[in-house]
N, C-alpha and C. Protein backbone atom coordinates (compact mmCIF):
# COMPACT_ATOMS: atom_id res chain seq x y z
N MET A 1 123.82 117.14 128.19
CA MET A 1 122.55 116.33 128.08
C MET A 1 122.49 115.80 129.55
N ASP A 2 121.23 115.87 130.07
CA ASP A 2 120.76 115.29 131.36
C ASP A 2 120.28 113.81 131.11
N ALA A 3 120.94 112.85 131.83
CA ALA A 3 120.49 111.47 131.62
C ALA A 3 120.72 110.75 132.83
N THR A 4 119.80 109.78 133.28
CA THR A 4 120.17 108.83 134.35
C THR A 4 120.90 107.68 133.72
N VAL A 5 121.96 107.30 134.48
CA VAL A 5 122.76 106.19 134.10
C VAL A 5 122.52 104.88 134.82
N ILE A 6 122.05 103.95 134.03
CA ILE A 6 121.71 102.59 134.64
C ILE A 6 122.66 101.49 134.01
N ASP A 7 123.46 100.90 134.82
CA ASP A 7 124.35 99.82 134.37
C ASP A 7 125.11 100.40 133.25
N GLY A 8 125.72 101.56 133.42
CA GLY A 8 126.71 102.15 132.57
C GLY A 8 126.12 102.72 131.17
N ALA A 9 124.94 102.69 131.00
CA ALA A 9 124.31 103.26 129.76
C ALA A 9 123.38 104.30 130.19
N ALA A 10 123.38 105.29 129.31
CA ALA A 10 122.35 106.44 129.37
C ALA A 10 121.00 105.91 129.26
N GLU A 11 120.06 106.17 130.09
CA GLU A 11 118.67 105.77 130.00
C GLU A 11 117.87 106.85 129.63
N HIS A 12 117.08 106.65 128.35
CA HIS A 12 116.21 107.85 127.77
C HIS A 12 114.83 107.13 127.70
N ALA A 13 114.34 106.69 128.71
CA ALA A 13 113.13 106.00 128.73
C ALA A 13 111.97 106.78 128.14
N PRO A 14 111.88 108.15 128.49
CA PRO A 14 110.67 108.85 128.02
C PRO A 14 110.69 108.92 126.32
N HIS A 15 111.96 109.10 125.73
CA HIS A 15 111.96 109.03 124.35
C HIS A 15 111.50 107.80 123.60
N ARG A 16 112.12 106.72 124.32
CA ARG A 16 111.79 105.36 123.79
C ARG A 16 110.27 105.07 123.92
N LEU A 17 109.74 105.52 125.10
CA LEU A 17 108.32 105.18 125.47
C LEU A 17 107.46 105.91 124.37
N GLY A 18 107.97 107.23 124.04
CA GLY A 18 107.22 108.00 123.09
C GLY A 18 107.26 107.45 121.73
N ARG A 19 108.39 106.89 121.29
CA ARG A 19 108.47 106.23 120.01
C ARG A 19 107.52 104.98 119.92
N LYS A 20 107.64 104.11 121.12
CA LYS A 20 106.80 102.94 121.05
C LYS A 20 105.31 103.32 121.05
N GLY A 21 104.94 104.32 121.78
CA GLY A 21 103.55 104.76 121.76
C GLY A 21 103.15 105.20 120.25
N GLU A 22 103.97 105.92 119.70
CA GLU A 22 103.61 106.37 118.32
C GLU A 22 103.45 105.05 117.34
N GLU A 23 104.28 104.13 117.59
CA GLU A 23 104.14 102.85 116.83
C GLU A 23 102.80 102.21 116.99
N LEU A 24 102.53 102.14 118.31
CA LEU A 24 101.28 101.45 118.61
C LEU A 24 100.11 102.26 118.15
N ALA A 25 100.11 103.66 118.22
CA ALA A 25 99.03 104.46 117.80
C ALA A 25 98.93 104.40 116.26
N VAL A 26 99.99 104.25 115.33
CA VAL A 26 99.83 104.14 114.05
C VAL A 26 99.17 102.62 113.71
N ARG A 27 99.73 101.69 114.45
CA ARG A 27 99.05 100.30 114.25
C ARG A 27 97.59 100.34 114.43
N TYR A 28 97.22 100.98 115.64
CA TYR A 28 95.87 101.04 115.91
C TYR A 28 95.01 101.81 114.87
N LEU A 29 95.47 102.93 114.48
CA LEU A 29 94.81 103.78 113.44
C LEU A 29 94.71 102.91 112.23
N GLU A 30 95.65 102.27 111.74
CA GLU A 30 95.62 101.48 110.45
C GLU A 30 94.61 100.26 110.68
N SER A 31 94.54 99.69 111.89
CA SER A 31 93.47 98.49 112.22
C SER A 31 92.18 99.18 112.16
N GLN A 32 91.93 100.51 112.31
CA GLN A 32 90.61 101.15 112.17
C GLN A 32 90.29 101.57 110.73
N GLY A 33 91.12 101.15 109.94
CA GLY A 33 90.90 101.42 108.35
C GLY A 33 91.43 102.74 107.96
N LEU A 34 92.21 103.41 108.70
CA LEU A 34 92.81 104.54 108.27
C LEU A 34 94.09 104.44 107.51
N VAL A 35 94.40 105.48 106.65
CA VAL A 35 95.64 105.25 105.96
C VAL A 35 96.56 106.38 106.40
N VAL A 36 97.60 106.13 106.95
CA VAL A 36 98.51 107.06 107.34
C VAL A 36 99.34 107.78 106.30
N LEU A 37 99.20 109.13 106.33
CA LEU A 37 99.80 109.91 105.14
C LEU A 37 101.16 110.38 105.64
N SER A 38 101.37 110.85 106.86
CA SER A 38 102.59 111.40 107.36
C SER A 38 102.72 110.96 108.88
N ARG A 39 104.02 110.85 108.98
CA ARG A 39 104.34 110.49 110.54
C ARG A 39 105.42 111.65 110.90
N ASN A 40 105.44 112.13 112.08
CA ASN A 40 106.38 113.25 112.57
C ASN A 40 106.79 114.26 111.41
N TRP A 41 105.77 114.78 110.91
CA TRP A 41 105.78 115.82 109.76
C TRP A 41 106.32 116.99 110.55
N ARG A 42 107.34 117.63 110.02
CA ARG A 42 107.92 118.91 110.67
C ARG A 42 108.05 120.03 109.67
N CYS A 43 107.80 121.14 110.17
CA CYS A 43 108.02 122.52 109.65
C CYS A 43 108.66 123.40 110.58
N ARG A 44 108.87 124.51 110.22
CA ARG A 44 109.73 125.45 111.07
C ARG A 44 108.93 125.82 112.51
N ASP A 45 107.53 125.54 112.34
CA ASP A 45 106.72 125.86 113.52
C ASP A 45 106.57 124.72 114.34
N GLY A 46 106.91 123.61 114.09
CA GLY A 46 106.68 122.44 114.92
C GLY A 46 106.50 121.11 114.24
N GLU A 47 105.72 120.19 114.87
CA GLU A 47 105.67 118.81 114.39
C GLU A 47 104.22 118.29 114.52
N LEU A 48 103.76 117.48 113.50
CA LEU A 48 102.54 116.77 113.67
C LEU A 48 102.99 115.34 113.89
N ASP A 49 102.40 114.59 114.86
CA ASP A 49 102.63 113.31 115.08
C ASP A 49 102.15 112.34 114.02
N VAL A 50 100.83 112.34 113.64
CA VAL A 50 100.27 111.48 112.64
C VAL A 50 99.35 112.22 111.93
N VAL A 51 99.27 112.11 110.59
CA VAL A 51 98.33 112.77 109.75
C VAL A 51 97.79 111.45 108.87
N ALA A 52 96.50 111.30 108.91
CA ALA A 52 95.84 110.12 108.36
C ALA A 52 94.53 110.42 107.73
N THR A 53 93.94 109.51 106.92
CA THR A 53 92.69 109.79 106.38
C THR A 53 91.79 108.39 106.27
N ASP A 54 90.60 108.65 106.24
CA ASP A 54 89.67 107.58 106.20
C ASP A 54 88.95 107.60 104.77
N GLY A 55 89.44 108.49 103.85
CA GLY A 55 88.96 108.61 102.54
C GLY A 55 88.07 109.71 102.46
N ARG A 56 87.59 110.39 103.41
CA ARG A 56 86.88 111.51 103.35
C ARG A 56 87.33 112.61 104.34
N LEU A 57 87.74 112.26 105.43
CA LEU A 57 88.28 113.13 106.48
C LEU A 57 89.80 113.09 106.65
N LEU A 58 90.43 114.28 106.88
CA LEU A 58 91.76 114.34 107.25
C LEU A 58 91.91 114.33 108.68
N LEU A 59 92.71 113.29 109.18
CA LEU A 59 92.67 113.27 110.75
C LEU A 59 94.14 113.64 111.10
N VAL A 60 94.29 114.71 112.03
CA VAL A 60 95.49 115.01 112.58
C VAL A 60 95.52 114.47 113.97
N CYS A 61 96.44 113.57 114.32
CA CYS A 61 96.43 112.88 115.62
C CYS A 61 97.68 113.32 116.46
N GLU A 62 97.28 113.78 117.55
CA GLU A 62 98.48 114.01 118.62
C GLU A 62 98.60 112.76 119.44
N VAL A 63 99.65 112.24 119.39
CA VAL A 63 99.88 111.00 120.16
C VAL A 63 100.56 111.38 121.58
N LYS A 64 99.98 110.95 122.66
CA LYS A 64 100.68 111.31 124.10
C LYS A 64 100.72 109.90 124.80
N THR A 65 102.08 109.72 125.25
CA THR A 65 102.22 108.37 125.86
C THR A 65 102.81 108.68 127.15
N ARG A 66 102.41 108.06 128.35
CA ARG A 66 102.91 108.11 129.53
C ARG A 66 103.09 106.80 130.17
N ALA A 67 104.03 106.58 131.14
CA ALA A 67 104.35 105.30 131.82
C ALA A 67 103.22 105.26 133.01
N GLY A 68 102.63 106.25 133.43
CA GLY A 68 101.67 106.35 134.48
C GLY A 68 100.97 107.71 134.62
N VAL A 69 99.97 107.70 135.45
CA VAL A 69 99.11 109.09 135.51
C VAL A 69 99.53 109.87 136.55
N GLY A 70 100.73 109.58 137.40
CA GLY A 70 101.03 110.36 138.52
C GLY A 70 101.14 111.83 138.36
N PHE A 71 101.34 112.30 137.07
CA PHE A 71 101.60 113.73 136.71
C PHE A 71 100.52 114.19 135.81
N GLY A 72 99.51 113.31 135.78
CA GLY A 72 98.30 113.68 134.80
C GLY A 72 98.13 112.56 133.78
N THR A 73 97.06 112.57 133.25
CA THR A 73 96.81 111.71 132.00
C THR A 73 97.50 112.32 130.84
N PRO A 74 97.86 111.36 129.79
CA PRO A 74 98.38 111.88 128.54
C PRO A 74 97.47 113.03 128.01
N THR A 75 96.23 112.86 128.01
CA THR A 75 95.35 113.95 127.30
C THR A 75 95.32 115.25 128.11
N GLU A 76 95.72 115.31 129.25
CA GLU A 76 95.85 116.60 130.01
C GLU A 76 96.98 117.29 129.51
N ALA A 77 97.94 116.52 128.93
CA ALA A 77 99.23 117.29 128.36
C ALA A 77 98.93 118.19 127.12
N VAL A 78 97.76 117.97 126.52
CA VAL A 78 97.39 118.71 125.36
C VAL A 78 96.78 119.90 125.85
N THR A 79 97.25 120.93 126.09
CA THR A 79 96.69 122.20 126.64
C THR A 79 96.17 122.97 125.45
N ALA A 80 95.44 123.99 125.80
CA ALA A 80 94.66 124.79 124.67
C ALA A 80 95.71 125.38 123.84
N ASP A 81 96.80 125.89 124.43
CA ASP A 81 97.85 126.51 123.53
C ASP A 81 98.48 125.48 122.51
N LYS A 82 98.66 124.15 122.91
CA LYS A 82 99.20 123.10 122.16
C LYS A 82 98.25 122.82 121.16
N ALA A 83 96.95 122.72 121.53
CA ALA A 83 95.78 122.37 120.53
C ALA A 83 95.76 123.53 119.43
N ALA A 84 95.90 124.78 119.87
CA ALA A 84 95.91 125.80 118.75
C ALA A 84 97.08 125.76 117.80
N ARG A 85 98.26 125.34 118.46
CA ARG A 85 99.37 125.17 117.62
C ARG A 85 99.30 123.94 116.57
N ILE A 86 98.67 122.80 117.04
CA ILE A 86 98.45 121.71 116.28
C ILE A 86 97.41 122.08 115.18
N ARG A 87 96.49 122.84 115.37
CA ARG A 87 95.53 123.23 114.25
C ARG A 87 96.32 124.17 113.32
N ARG A 88 97.07 124.98 113.81
CA ARG A 88 97.96 125.79 112.81
C ARG A 88 98.76 124.97 111.86
N LEU A 89 99.45 123.87 112.47
CA LEU A 89 100.32 123.05 111.81
C LEU A 89 99.46 122.19 110.72
N ALA A 90 98.36 121.91 111.14
CA ALA A 90 97.44 121.18 110.36
C ALA A 90 97.35 122.02 109.04
N ARG A 91 96.86 123.30 109.23
CA ARG A 91 96.72 124.17 108.08
C ARG A 91 97.94 124.17 107.13
N GLN A 92 99.18 124.36 107.87
CA GLN A 92 100.43 124.27 107.06
C GLN A 92 100.67 122.98 106.40
N TRP A 93 100.30 121.87 106.99
CA TRP A 93 100.31 120.60 106.26
C TRP A 93 99.57 120.50 104.92
N MET A 94 98.43 121.00 105.22
CA MET A 94 97.26 120.99 104.11
C MET A 94 97.84 121.84 102.90
N ALA A 95 98.49 122.95 103.16
CA ALA A 95 99.09 123.89 102.23
C ALA A 95 100.18 123.28 101.52
N ALA A 96 101.13 122.43 102.33
CA ALA A 96 102.28 121.90 101.83
C ALA A 96 101.90 120.68 101.01
N HIS A 97 100.62 120.00 101.14
CA HIS A 97 100.22 118.88 100.33
C HIS A 97 99.12 119.20 99.45
N HIS A 98 98.88 120.49 99.14
CA HIS A 98 97.79 120.93 98.25
C HIS A 98 96.43 120.36 98.63
N CYS A 99 96.03 120.36 99.92
CA CYS A 99 94.82 119.78 100.35
C CYS A 99 93.97 120.93 100.68
N ARG A 100 93.30 121.45 99.63
CA ARG A 100 92.35 122.66 99.89
C ARG A 100 90.99 122.02 100.19
N GLY A 101 90.41 122.65 101.01
CA GLY A 101 88.87 122.28 101.21
C GLY A 101 88.71 120.88 101.95
N CYS A 102 89.75 120.29 102.55
CA CYS A 102 89.72 119.09 103.22
C CYS A 102 88.83 119.36 104.37
N GLU A 103 88.06 118.38 104.84
CA GLU A 103 87.41 118.40 106.21
C GLU A 103 88.44 117.74 107.14
N VAL A 104 88.77 118.58 108.25
CA VAL A 104 89.87 118.09 109.18
C VAL A 104 89.22 117.82 110.52
N ARG A 105 89.76 116.75 111.19
CA ARG A 105 89.41 116.46 112.65
C ARG A 105 90.63 116.19 113.40
N CYS A 106 90.74 116.90 114.53
CA CYS A 106 91.97 116.79 115.36
C CYS A 106 91.66 115.85 116.51
N ASP A 107 92.43 114.80 116.55
CA ASP A 107 92.20 113.67 117.61
C ASP A 107 93.43 113.59 118.49
N ILE A 108 93.15 112.96 119.54
CA ILE A 108 94.30 112.61 120.60
C ILE A 108 94.24 111.10 120.67
N VAL A 109 95.46 110.50 120.51
CA VAL A 109 95.68 109.07 120.86
C VAL A 109 96.35 109.16 122.18
N SER A 110 95.63 108.68 123.16
CA SER A 110 96.32 108.76 124.61
C SER A 110 96.66 107.31 125.00
N ILE A 111 97.94 107.21 125.43
CA ILE A 111 98.43 105.78 125.78
C ILE A 111 99.02 105.83 127.17
N VAL A 112 98.62 104.99 127.96
CA VAL A 112 99.24 104.74 129.37
C VAL A 112 99.88 103.41 129.23
N TRP A 113 101.22 103.32 129.37
CA TRP A 113 101.96 102.03 129.32
C TRP A 113 102.92 101.99 130.45
N PRO A 114 102.35 101.45 131.61
CA PRO A 114 103.38 101.16 132.71
C PRO A 114 104.50 100.23 132.34
N PRO A 115 105.57 100.22 133.13
CA PRO A 115 106.64 99.23 132.64
C PRO A 115 106.14 97.77 133.13
N GLY A 116 106.48 97.07 132.08
CA GLY A 116 105.99 95.56 132.27
C GLY A 116 104.71 95.33 132.20
N GLU A 117 103.85 96.16 131.70
CA GLU A 117 102.34 96.02 131.47
C GLU A 117 102.03 96.20 130.19
N LYS A 118 100.71 95.84 129.78
CA LYS A 118 100.13 96.10 128.62
C LYS A 118 99.71 97.60 128.56
N PRO A 119 99.88 98.16 127.29
CA PRO A 119 99.41 99.62 127.26
C PRO A 119 97.78 99.66 127.18
N ARG A 120 97.39 100.78 127.67
CA ARG A 120 96.02 101.20 127.66
C ARG A 120 95.77 102.36 126.50
N LEU A 121 95.19 102.12 125.49
CA LEU A 121 95.02 103.07 124.51
C LEU A 121 93.65 103.73 124.39
N GLU A 122 93.49 105.15 124.36
CA GLU A 122 92.24 105.60 124.12
C GLU A 122 92.24 106.62 123.09
N HIS A 123 91.33 106.52 122.07
CA HIS A 123 91.40 107.43 120.92
C HIS A 123 90.11 108.54 121.06
N LEU A 124 90.57 109.63 121.28
CA LEU A 124 89.61 110.82 121.42
C LEU A 124 89.41 111.53 120.26
N LYS A 125 88.34 111.10 119.55
CA LYS A 125 87.96 111.72 118.24
C LYS A 125 87.43 113.09 118.47
N GLY A 126 87.87 114.06 117.57
CA GLY A 126 87.38 115.29 117.60
C GLY A 126 87.85 116.09 118.94
N ALA A 127 89.05 115.81 119.46
CA ALA A 127 89.21 116.28 120.86
C ALA A 127 89.51 117.77 120.94
N PHE A 128 89.79 118.42 119.74
CA PHE A 128 89.89 119.88 119.87
C PHE A 128 89.75 120.41 118.39
């Protein structure tokens, strides 16, 4: 395992930041009236960050959190290949949960959260 050691402890900031970002995204989505159905749903082909509903639409949300934009925005990390994989995973989630004929929208929740600052969240509806 590759880790940076700070004060004698392994520092896994990207993983912690990602978890904090997902927590923030879920709170935001719920504040918008959405009901979260699944978090970090996994199958052999991958993982969906958040699956939610507004009562008529099924929303599949990819959550991307970055400490800064030096290497690009969080949204830029969702490539065409990743978007295609998320759409495939959404179909698998629907099959596993007997959700036939559901209208689906794929969103991105982009969070930039610099150390010591407040996070900036952007919800891109129908991003792909």
